[in-house]
Amino acid sequence: MVPPDPLDDLDSGWDDEESEEPDLDDGWDVAAPEEPEPAGLTPEERAARAARAAARKERQRAKAAEKAARRSERKSMARARQKSKAPREPSARPVKAPVVREPRRVADADPGPAPARSPEASAPTARGRRDRQLIAWLVVALAIAAGVAVFLWKR
């Protein structure tokens, strides 16, 4: 016989602490309270729902059949139009005579005196005047922007 171990009789206190704390695995074996099952459809409601679905499918089939009939009608009308048209002959284009140009020679090219311009031709057009005004405003805006930038940079 083996003598009893004196350490077995000592109370370490660990068992007491374990019994005080709830076990994490507790509650898994407990049956959950039964929830009332959701009320299903009655046979009349099911029949009404099936009838509505069948009616919806029938409307979709009828709509698709009408659409197909319109498409085939348009197709046949287009074919009839193409058959009724006589094939066109290409229109006769006037034949242009080729223009023969002689190459210019640099030695022969003497521009002579420049033609005198009239005072009206030398006056700026309205568009040229607008372009100059636009450029002037852009230069002013650029100068102001540069001044603001330098002011903010020095600050």
Protein backbone atom coordinates (compact mmCIF):
# COMPACT_ATOMS: atom_id res chain seq x y z
CA MET A 1 0.00 0.00 0.00
CA VAL A 2 1.08 3.47 -0.85
CA PRO A 3 0.91 5.96 1.94
CA PRO A 4 -1.42 8.89 1.18
CA ASP A 5 0.30 11.99 -0.04
CA PRO A 6 0.06 14.79 2.50
CA LEU A 7 -0.19 17.38 -0.30
CA ASP A 8 -3.50 15.89 -1.45
CA ASP A 9 -5.15 16.96 1.75
CA LEU A 10 -4.12 20.59 1.38
CA ASP A 11 -6.77 22.97 0.07
CA SER A 12 -5.18 25.19 -2.53
CA GLY A 13 -8.29 27.30 -2.98
CA TRP A 14 -8.39 26.92 -6.74
CA ASP A 15 -11.42 24.67 -6.71
CA ASP A 16 -13.44 27.19 -4.75
CA GLU A 17 -12.75 30.00 -7.21
CA GLU A 18 -13.74 27.85 -10.16
CA SER A 19 -17.05 26.96 -8.61
CA GLU A 20 -17.88 30.63 -7.94
CA GLU A 21 -17.33 31.77 -11.56
CA PRO A 22 -19.89 30.78 -14.14
CA ASP A 23 -18.58 28.38 -16.71
CA LEU A 24 -18.33 29.74 -20.25
CA ASP A 25 -19.78 26.56 -21.65
CA ASP A 26 -22.88 26.72 -19.49
CA GLY A 27 -26.08 27.34 -21.39
CA TRP A 28 -25.25 25.36 -24.51
CA ASP A 29 -27.22 22.37 -23.37
CA VAL A 30 -30.25 24.41 -22.35
CA ALA A 31 -33.00 24.25 -24.95
CA ALA A 32 -33.90 27.63 -26.41
CA PRO A 33 -37.47 28.70 -25.83
CA GLU A 34 -39.51 27.79 -28.87
CA GLU A 35 -40.48 30.74 -30.99
CA PRO A 36 -43.86 30.66 -32.58
CA GLU A 37 -43.49 29.66 -36.21
CA PRO A 38 -44.29 32.39 -38.65
CA ALA A 39 -47.75 32.09 -39.99
CA GLY A 40 -47.52 30.70 -43.50
CA LEU A 41 -49.86 31.41 -46.33
CA THR A 42 -53.18 29.76 -46.30
CA PRO A 43 -54.06 27.56 -49.26
CA GLU A 44 -56.39 30.28 -50.58
CA GLU A 45 -53.62 32.88 -50.41
CA ARG A 46 -51.22 30.52 -52.18
CA ALA A 47 -53.77 29.92 -54.94
CA ALA A 48 -54.38 33.67 -55.31
CA ARG A 49 -50.63 34.35 -55.49
CA ALA A 50 -50.15 31.61 -58.11
CA ALA A 51 -53.06 33.02 -60.13
CA ARG A 52 -51.53 36.53 -60.05
CA ALA A 53 -48.13 35.15 -61.14
CA ALA A 54 -49.74 33.21 -63.99
CA ALA A 55 -51.66 36.31 -65.10
CA ARG A 56 -48.47 38.39 -65.00
CA LYS A 57 -46.61 35.81 -67.11
CA GLU A 58 -49.46 35.71 -69.59
CA ARG A 59 -49.41 39.53 -69.92
CA GLN A 60 -45.65 39.42 -70.50
CA ARG A 61 -46.06 36.73 -73.17
CA ALA A 62 -48.79 38.75 -74.90
CA LYS A 63 -46.64 41.89 -74.81
CA ALA A 64 -43.65 40.02 -76.24
CA ALA A 65 -45.83 38.52 -79.00
CA GLU A 66 -47.15 41.99 -79.94
CA LYS A 67 -43.63 43.36 -79.99
CA ALA A 68 -42.43 40.52 -82.21
CA ALA A 69 -45.39 41.08 -84.57
CA ARG A 70 -44.59 44.80 -84.85
CA ARG A 71 -40.93 44.02 -85.47
CA SER A 72 -41.70 41.53 -88.24
CA GLU A 73 -44.19 43.99 -89.79
CA ARG A 74 -41.55 46.75 -89.86
CA LYS A 75 -39.07 44.28 -91.33
CA SER A 76 -41.45 43.26 -94.13
CA MET A 77 -42.30 46.90 -94.88
CA ALA A 78 -38.60 47.74 -95.16
CA ARG A 79 -38.04 44.80 -97.52
CA ALA A 80 -40.99 45.90 -99.67
CA ARG A 81 -39.60 49.43 -99.85
CA GLN A 82 -36.21 48.14 -100.92
CA LYS A 83 -37.74 45.94 -103.61
CA SER A 84 -39.91 48.76 -104.95
CA LYS A 85 -36.96 51.05 -105.43
CA ALA A 86 -35.32 50.67 -108.77
CA PRO A 87 -31.58 50.40 -108.57
CA ARG A 88 -30.15 53.78 -109.32
CA GLU A 89 -27.58 54.32 -111.95
CA PRO A 90 -24.68 56.43 -110.90
CA SER A 91 -25.22 60.04 -111.91
CA ALA A 92 -23.13 61.28 -114.75
CA ARG A 93 -20.49 63.60 -113.41
CA PRO A 94 -19.14 66.26 -115.66
CA VAL A 95 -15.66 65.45 -116.78
CA LYS A 96 -13.27 68.25 -116.02
CA ALA A 97 -10.42 68.94 -118.31
CA PRO A 98 -7.12 68.62 -116.47
CA VAL A 99 -5.52 71.99 -115.81
CA VAL A 100 -1.96 72.19 -117.02
CA ARG A 101 0.20 74.47 -114.96
CA GLU A 102 3.69 75.43 -115.76
CA PRO A 103 6.15 75.39 -112.90
CA ARG A 104 7.38 78.80 -111.77
CA ARG A 105 10.98 79.64 -112.13
CA VAL A 106 12.78 81.59 -109.47
CA ALA A 107 14.86 83.56 -111.95
CA ASP A 108 11.76 84.63 -113.87
CA ALA A 109 9.88 85.71 -110.76
CA ASP A 110 10.34 89.48 -110.53
CA PRO A 111 7.72 90.82 -108.15
CA GLY A 112 8.16 94.41 -109.32
CA PRO A 113 6.91 97.32 -107.27
CA ALA A 114 4.44 96.54 -104.52
CA PRO A 115 0.92 97.77 -105.21
CA ALA A 116 -0.12 100.80 -103.21
CA ARG A 117 -2.67 100.10 -100.55
CA SER A 118 -5.64 102.29 -99.97
CA PRO A 119 -6.09 103.93 -96.55
CA GLU A 120 -9.16 101.76 -95.89
CA ALA A 121 -7.12 98.57 -96.36
CA SER A 122 -4.46 99.68 -93.88
CA ALA A 123 -7.02 100.50 -91.17
CA PRO A 124 -7.40 97.72 -88.60
CA THR A 125 -10.54 95.65 -88.91
CA ALA A 126 -13.02 95.26 -86.10
CA ARG A 127 -11.76 91.76 -85.39
CA GLY A 128 -8.14 92.92 -85.22
CA ARG A 129 -9.16 95.67 -82.83
CA ARG A 130 -10.99 93.16 -80.61
CA ASP A 131 -7.95 90.89 -80.58
CA ARG A 132 -5.74 93.73 -79.47
CA GLN A 133 -8.16 94.72 -76.69
CA LEU A 134 -8.33 91.12 -75.51
CA ILE A 135 -4.56 90.85 -75.40
CA ALA A 136 -4.35 94.16 -73.50
CA TRP A 137 -6.84 92.95 -70.86
CA LEU A 138 -4.97 89.66 -70.50
CA VAL A 139 -1.69 91.51 -69.97
CA VAL A 140 -3.31 93.72 -67.31
CA ALA A 141 -4.78 90.68 -65.54
CA LEU A 142 -1.42 88.91 -65.65
CA ALA A 143 0.34 91.96 -64.19
CA ILE A 144 -2.20 92.17 -61.35
CA ALA A 145 -1.86 88.46 -60.63
CA ALA A 146 1.92 88.76 -60.57
CA GLY A 147 1.70 91.72 -58.17
CA VAL A 148 -0.59 89.80 -55.83
CA ALA A 149 1.74 86.80 -55.95
CA VAL A 150 4.80 88.89 -55.12
CA PHE A 151 2.90 90.63 -52.29
CA LEU A 152 1.84 87.34 -50.77
CA TRP A 153 5.31 85.85 -51.19
CA LYS A 154 7.03 88.77 -49.41
CA ARG A 155 4.51 88.76 -46.57
